PDB file of all heavy atoms in Angstrom:
ATOM      1  N   ILE A   1     109.354 104.642  94.779  1.00  0.00           N
ATOM      2  CA  ILE A   1     109.436 103.707  93.622  1.00  0.00           C
ATOM      3  C   ILE A   1     110.849 103.697  93.172  1.00  0.00           C
ATOM      4  O   ILE A   1     111.357 104.765  92.774  1.00  0.00           O
ATOM      5  CB  ILE A   1     108.507 104.167  92.448  1.00  0.00           C
ATOM      6  CG1 ILE A   1     107.063 104.414  92.970  1.00  0.00           C
ATOM      7  CG2 ILE A   1     108.534 103.124  91.363  1.00  0.00           C
ATOM      8  CD1 ILE A   1     106.373 103.194  93.553  1.00  0.00           C
ATOM      9  N   ILE A   2     111.531 102.550  93.292  1.00  0.00           N
ATOM     10  CA  ILE A   2     112.923 102.458  92.949  1.00  0.00           C
ATOM     11  C   ILE A   2     113.262 101.327  92.022  1.00  0.00           C
ATOM     12  O   ILE A   2     112.425 100.496  91.712  1.00  0.00           O
ATOM     13  CB  ILE A   2     113.766 102.301  94.250  1.00  0.00           C
ATOM     14  CG1 ILE A   2     113.477 100.951  94.909  1.00  0.00           C
ATOM     15  CG2 ILE A   2     113.506 103.452  95.231  1.00  0.00           C
ATOM     16  CD1 ILE A   2     114.374 100.559  96.086  1.00  0.00           C
ATOM     17  N   LYS A   3     114.518 101.297  91.526  1.00  0.00           N
ATOM     18  CA  LYS A   3     115.003 100.234  90.696  1.00  0.00           C
ATOM     19  C   LYS A   3     115.229  99.006  91.535  1.00  0.00           C
ATOM     20  O   LYS A   3     115.713  99.113  92.673  1.00  0.00           O
ATOM     21  CB  LYS A   3     116.272 100.621  89.971  1.00  0.00           C
ATOM     22  CG  LYS A   3     116.132 101.775  89.017  1.00  0.00           C
ATOM     23  CD  LYS A   3     117.447 102.065  88.337  1.00  0.00           C
ATOM     24  CE  LYS A   3     117.250 103.164  87.300  1.00  0.00           C
ATOM     25  NZ  LYS A   3     118.503 103.519  86.634  1.00  0.00           N
ATOM     26  N   PRO A   4     114.835  97.808  91.064  1.00  0.00           N
ATOM     27  CA  PRO A   4     114.965  96.581  91.859  1.00  0.00           C
ATOM     28  C   PRO A   4     116.322  96.335  92.384  1.00  0.00           C
ATOM     29  O   PRO A   4     116.479  95.889  93.515  1.00  0.00           O
ATOM     30  CB  PRO A   4     114.456  95.532  90.946  1.00  0.00           C
ATOM     31  CG  PRO A   4     113.586  96.176  89.936  1.00  0.00           C
ATOM     32  CD  PRO A   4     114.179  97.543  89.782  1.00  0.00           C
ATOM     33  N   PHE A   5     117.354  96.581  91.626  1.00  0.00           N
ATOM     34  CA  PHE A   5     118.746  96.248  92.091  1.00  0.00           C
ATOM     35  C   PHE A   5     119.270  97.207  93.176  1.00  0.00           C
ATOM     36  O   PHE A   5     120.291  96.929  93.771  1.00  0.00           O
ATOM     37  CB  PHE A   5     119.678  96.199  90.864  1.00  0.00           C
ATOM     38  CG  PHE A   5     119.972  97.498  90.239  1.00  0.00           C
ATOM     39  CD1 PHE A   5     121.017  98.309  90.642  1.00  0.00           C
ATOM     40  CD2 PHE A   5     119.220  97.911  89.141  1.00  0.00           C
ATOM     41  CE1 PHE A   5     121.226  99.520  90.053  1.00  0.00           C
ATOM     42  CE2 PHE A   5     119.437  99.137  88.532  1.00  0.00           C
ATOM     43  CZ  PHE A   5     120.478  99.921  88.928  1.00  0.00           C
ATOM     44  N   LYS A   6     118.520  98.231  93.443  1.00  0.00           N
ATOM     45  CA  LYS A   6     118.897  99.198  94.483  1.00  0.00           C
ATOM     46  C   LYS A   6     118.211  98.886  95.815  1.00  0.00           C
ATOM     47  O   LYS A   6     118.485  99.613  96.826  1.00  0.00           O
ATOM     48  CB  LYS A   6     118.546 100.628  94.068  1.00  0.00           C
ATOM     49  CG  LYS A   6     119.401 101.198  92.949  1.00  0.00           C
ATOM     50  CD  LYS A   6     120.799 101.452  93.504  1.00  0.00           C
ATOM     51  CE  LYS A   6     121.601 102.366  92.599  1.00  0.00           C
ATOM     52  NZ  LYS A   6     122.815 102.799  93.213  1.00  0.00           N
ATOM     53  N   LEU A   7     117.399  97.873  95.901  1.00  0.00           N
ATOM     54  CA  LEU A   7     116.665  97.600  97.156  1.00  0.00           C
ATOM     55  C   LEU A   7     117.525  97.396  98.346  1.00  0.00           C
ATOM     56  O   LEU A   7     117.330  98.042  99.439  1.00  0.00           O
ATOM     57  CB  LEU A   7     115.775  96.416  96.976  1.00  0.00           C
ATOM     58  CG  LEU A   7     114.955  95.942  98.209  1.00  0.00           C
ATOM     59  CD1 LEU A   7     114.077  97.077  98.704  1.00  0.00           C
ATOM     60  CD2 LEU A   7     114.121  94.725  97.927  1.00  0.00           C
ATOM     61  N   ASP A   8     118.594  96.631  98.226  1.00  0.00           N
ATOM     62  CA  ASP A   8     119.447  96.360  99.431  1.00  0.00           C
ATOM     63  C   ASP A   8     120.114  97.640  99.896  1.00  0.00           C
ATOM     64  O   ASP A   8     120.249  97.867 101.102  1.00  0.00           O
ATOM     65  CB  ASP A   8     120.442  95.253  99.089  1.00  0.00           C
ATOM     66  CG  ASP A   8     119.843  93.895  99.042  1.00  0.00           C
ATOM     67  OD1 ASP A   8     118.793  93.671  99.690  1.00  0.00           O
ATOM     68  OD2 ASP A   8     120.412  92.996  98.385  1.00  0.00           O
ATOM     69  N   GLU A   9     120.595  98.437  98.965  1.00  0.00           N
ATOM     70  CA  GLU A   9     121.240  99.689  99.300  1.00  0.00           C
ATOM     71  C   GLU A   9     120.279 100.609 100.023  1.00  0.00           C
ATOM     72  O   GLU A   9     120.656 101.293 101.024  1.00  0.00           O
ATOM     73  CB  GLU A   9     121.829 100.366  98.080  1.00  0.00           C
ATOM     74  CG  GLU A   9     123.010  99.614  97.452  1.00  0.00           C
ATOM     75  CD  GLU A   9     123.482 100.296  96.154  1.00  0.00           C
ATOM     76  OE1 GLU A   9     123.635 101.550  96.147  1.00  0.00           O
ATOM     77  OE2 GLU A   9     123.641  99.577  95.190  1.00  0.00           O
ATOM     78  N   VAL A  10     119.065 100.703  99.514  1.00  0.00           N
ATOM     79  CA  VAL A  10     118.083 101.622 100.179  1.00  0.00           C
ATOM     80  C   VAL A  10     117.712 101.098 101.549  1.00  0.00           C
ATOM     81  O   VAL A  10     117.618 101.826 102.504  1.00  0.00           O
ATOM     82  CB  VAL A  10     116.832 101.738  99.272  1.00  0.00           C
ATOM     83  CG1 VAL A  10     115.718 102.441 100.012  1.00  0.00           C
ATOM     84  CG2 VAL A  10     117.176 102.483  97.964  1.00  0.00           C
ATOM     85  N   ARG A  11     117.542  99.771 101.684  1.00  0.00           N
ATOM     86  CA  ARG A  11     117.186  99.195 102.987  1.00  0.00           C
ATOM     87  C   ARG A  11     118.297  99.495 104.069  1.00  0.00           C
ATOM     88  O   ARG A  11     118.041  99.889 105.148  1.00  0.00           O
ATOM     89  CB  ARG A  11     116.967  97.681 102.840  1.00  0.00           C
ATOM     90  CG  ARG A  11     116.499  97.055 104.169  1.00  0.00           C
ATOM     91  CD  ARG A  11     116.524  95.508 104.079  1.00  0.00           C
ATOM     92  NE  ARG A  11     117.738  94.975 103.569  1.00  0.00           N
ATOM     93  CZ  ARG A  11     118.846  94.838 104.340  1.00  0.00           C
ATOM     94  NH1 ARG A  11     118.860  95.186 105.555  1.00  0.00           N
ATOM     95  NH2 ARG A  11     119.939  94.290 103.762  1.00  0.00           N
ATOM     96  N   GLU A  12     119.538  99.269 103.608  1.00  0.00           N
ATOM     97  CA  GLU A  12     120.651  99.581 104.492  1.00  0.00           C
ATOM     98  C   GLU A  12     120.745 101.023 104.855  1.00  0.00           C
ATOM     99  O   GLU A  12     121.022 101.368 106.042  1.00  0.00           O
ATOM    100  CB  GLU A  12     122.009  99.093 103.808  1.00  0.00           C
ATOM    101  CG  GLU A  12     122.157  97.622 103.794  1.00  0.00           C
ATOM    102  CD  GLU A  12     123.361  97.166 103.015  1.00  0.00           C
ATOM    103  OE1 GLU A  12     124.224  98.002 102.765  1.00  0.00           O
ATOM    104  OE2 GLU A  12     123.379  95.970 102.631  1.00  0.00           O
ATOM    105  N   ALA A  13     120.523 101.923 103.920  1.00  0.00           N
ATOM    106  CA  ALA A  13     120.513 103.346 104.153  1.00  0.00           C
ATOM    107  C   ALA A  13     119.436 103.795 105.164  1.00  0.00           C
ATOM    108  O   ALA A  13     119.662 104.559 106.023  1.00  0.00           O
ATOM    109  CB  ALA A  13     120.383 104.172 102.886  1.00  0.00           C
ATOM    110  N   LEU A  14     118.241 103.156 105.034  1.00  0.00           N
ATOM    111  CA  LEU A  14     117.171 103.451 105.908  1.00  0.00           C
ATOM    112  C   LEU A  14     117.486 102.910 107.368  1.00  0.00           C
ATOM    113  O   LEU A  14     117.173 103.526 108.366  1.00  0.00           O
ATOM    114  CB  LEU A  14     115.837 102.867 105.418  1.00  0.00           C
ATOM    115  CG  LEU A  14     115.224 103.596 104.260  1.00  0.00           C
ATOM    116  CD1 LEU A  14     114.070 102.791 103.666  1.00  0.00           C
ATOM    117  CD2 LEU A  14     114.770 105.042 104.639  1.00  0.00           C
ATOM    118  N   SER A  15     118.067 101.764 107.395  1.00  0.00           N
ATOM    119  CA  SER A  15     118.482 101.133 108.679  1.00  0.00           C
ATOM    120  C   SER A  15     119.491 102.037 109.367  1.00  0.00           C
ATOM    121  O   SER A  15     119.461 102.252 110.557  1.00  0.00           O
ATOM    122  CB  SER A  15     119.043  99.744 108.461  1.00  0.00           C
ATOM    123  OG  SER A  15     119.431  99.158 109.650  1.00  0.00           O
ATOM    124  N   ASP A  16     120.405 102.639 108.570  1.00  0.00           N
ATOM    125  CA  ASP A  16     121.464 103.499 109.125  1.00  0.00           C
ATOM    126  C   ASP A  16     120.870 104.771 109.818  1.00  0.00           C
ATOM    127  O   ASP A  16     121.497 105.284 110.713  1.00  0.00           O
ATOM    128  CB  ASP A  16     122.476 103.888 108.068  1.00  0.00           C
ATOM    129  CG  ASP A  16     123.317 102.738 107.683  1.00  0.00           C
ATOM    130  OD1 ASP A  16     123.390 101.703 108.340  1.00  0.00           O
ATOM    131  OD2 ASP A  16     124.010 102.843 106.589  1.00  0.00           O
ATOM    132  N   VAL A  17     119.720 105.220 109.384  1.00  0.00           N
ATOM    133  CA  VAL A  17     119.044 106.381 109.982  1.00  0.00           C
ATOM    134  C   VAL A  17     117.994 106.016 110.986  1.00  0.00           C
ATOM    135  O   VAL A  17     117.217 106.884 111.401  1.00  0.00           O
ATOM    136  CB  VAL A  17     118.535 107.402 108.859  1.00  0.00           C
ATOM    137  CG1 VAL A  17     119.638 107.948 108.020  1.00  0.00           C
ATOM    138  CG2 VAL A  17     117.434 106.759 108.003  1.00  0.00           C
ATOM    139  N   GLY A  18     117.919 104.773 111.323  1.00  0.00           N
ATOM    140  CA  GLY A  18     116.999 104.326 112.408  1.00  0.00           C
ATOM    141  C   GLY A  18     115.623 103.874 111.949  1.00  0.00           C
ATOM    142  O   GLY A  18     114.760 103.647 112.824  1.00  0.00           O
ATOM    143  N   ILE A  19     115.428 103.646 110.691  1.00  0.00           N
ATOM    144  CA  ILE A  19     114.134 103.122 110.210  1.00  0.00           C
ATOM    145  C   ILE A  19     114.204 101.627 110.238  1.00  0.00           C
ATOM    146  O   ILE A  19     115.046 101.032 109.504  1.00  0.00           O
ATOM    147  CB  ILE A  19     113.844 103.579 108.751  1.00  0.00           C
ATOM    148  CG1 ILE A  19     113.930 105.095 108.578  1.00  0.00           C
ATOM    149  CG2 ILE A  19     112.464 103.076 108.285  1.00  0.00           C
ATOM    150  CD1 ILE A  19     113.031 105.879 109.493  1.00  0.00           C
ATOM    151  N   THR A  20     113.390 100.997 111.074  1.00  0.00           N
ATOM    152  CA  THR A  20     113.502  99.566 111.278  1.00  0.00           C
ATOM    153  C   THR A  20     112.460  98.728 110.523  1.00  0.00           C
ATOM    154  O   THR A  20     112.619  97.560 110.341  1.00  0.00           O
ATOM    155  CB  THR A  20     113.382  99.246 112.773  1.00  0.00           C
ATOM    156  OG1 THR A  20     112.146  99.770 113.277  1.00  0.00           O
ATOM    157  CG2 THR A  20     114.517  99.837 113.586  1.00  0.00           C
ATOM    158  N   GLY A  21     111.330  99.309 110.148  1.00  0.00           N
ATOM    159  CA  GLY A  21     110.324  98.558 109.452  1.00  0.00           C
ATOM    160  C   GLY A  21     109.934  99.177 108.130  1.00  0.00           C
ATOM    161  O   GLY A  21     109.859 100.375 107.947  1.00  0.00           O
ATOM    162  N   LEU A  22     109.685  98.311 107.153  1.00  0.00           N
ATOM    163  CA  LEU A  22     109.229  98.765 105.864  1.00  0.00           C
ATOM    164  C   LEU A  22     108.522  97.680 105.150  1.00  0.00           C
ATOM    165  O   LEU A  22     108.596  96.509 105.408  1.00  0.00           O
ATOM    166  CB  LEU A  22     110.384  99.284 104.974  1.00  0.00           C
ATOM    167  CG  LEU A  22     111.581  98.365 104.669  1.00  0.00           C
ATOM    168  CD1 LEU A  22     111.384  97.711 103.292  1.00  0.00           C
ATOM    169  CD2 LEU A  22     112.863  99.173 104.682  1.00  0.00           C
ATOM    170  N   THR A  23     107.719  98.089 104.183  1.00  0.00           N
ATOM    171  CA  THR A  23     106.992  97.154 103.313  1.00  0.00           C
ATOM    172  C   THR A  23     107.534  97.278 101.922  1.00  0.00           C
ATOM    173  O   THR A  23     107.692  98.357 101.417  1.00  0.00           O
ATOM    174  CB  THR A  23     105.508  97.427 103.325  1.00  0.00           C
ATOM    175  OG1 THR A  23     104.983  97.332 104.700  1.00  0.00           O
ATOM    176  CG2 THR A  23     104.686  96.452 102.458  1.00  0.00           C
ATOM    177  N   VAL A  24     107.762  96.130 101.225  1.00  0.00           N
ATOM    178  CA  VAL A  24     108.269  96.108  99.912  1.00  0.00           C
ATOM    179  C   VAL A  24     107.315  95.389  98.971  1.00  0.00           C
ATOM    180  O   VAL A  24     106.865  94.285  99.353  1.00  0.00           O
ATOM    181  CB  VAL A  24     109.674  95.425  99.858  1.00  0.00           C
ATOM    182  CG1 VAL A  24     110.189  95.286  98.438  1.00  0.00           C
ATOM    183  CG2 VAL A  24     110.642  96.142 100.742  1.00  0.00           C
ATOM    184  N   THR A  25     107.019  96.012  97.857  1.00  0.00           N
ATOM    185  CA  THR A  25     106.138  95.402  96.869  1.00  0.00           C
ATOM    186  C   THR A  25     106.719  95.455  95.485  1.00  0.00           C
ATOM    187  O   THR A  25     107.334  96.458  95.143  1.00  0.00           O
ATOM    188  CB  THR A  25     104.780  96.167  96.741  1.00  0.00           C
ATOM    189  OG1 THR A  25     104.286  96.329  98.156  1.00  0.00           O
ATOM    190  CG2 THR A  25     103.734  95.475  95.954  1.00  0.00           C
ATOM    191  N   GLU A  26     106.697  94.372  94.728  1.00  0.00           N
ATOM    192  CA  GLU A  26     107.113  94.359  93.361  1.00  0.00           C
ATOM    193  C   GLU A  26     106.021  94.980  92.519  1.00  0.00           C
ATOM    194  O   GLU A  26     104.874  94.520  92.597  1.00  0.00           O
ATOM    195  CB  GLU A  26     107.458  92.999  92.901  1.00  0.00           C
ATOM    196  CG  GLU A  26     108.662  92.330  93.531  1.00  0.00           C
ATOM    197  CD  GLU A  26     108.993  90.990  93.051  1.00  0.00           C
ATOM    198  OE1 GLU A  26     108.397  90.514  92.052  1.00  0.00           O
ATOM    199  OE2 GLU A  26     109.810  90.267  93.727  1.00  0.00           O
ATOM    200  N   VAL A  27     106.360  96.001  91.747  1.00  0.00           N
ATOM    201  CA  VAL A  27     105.383  96.671  90.913  1.00  0.00           C
ATOM    202  C   VAL A  27     105.938  96.856  89.494  1.00  0.00           C
ATOM    203  O   VAL A  27     107.097  96.559  89.242  1.00  0.00           O
ATOM    204  CB  VAL A  27     104.980  98.079  91.523  1.00  0.00           C
ATOM    205  CG1 VAL A  27     104.312  97.921  92.878  1.00  0.00           C
ATOM    206  CG2 VAL A  27     106.196  99.027  91.627  1.00  0.00           C
TER     207      VAL A  27
END
């Protein structure tokens, strides 16, 4: 559960460690 404005940074960080798929939900 993260702050909305941090989504792109988190996605890029996950991509950098080889995580290619994720699901995102607004809560």
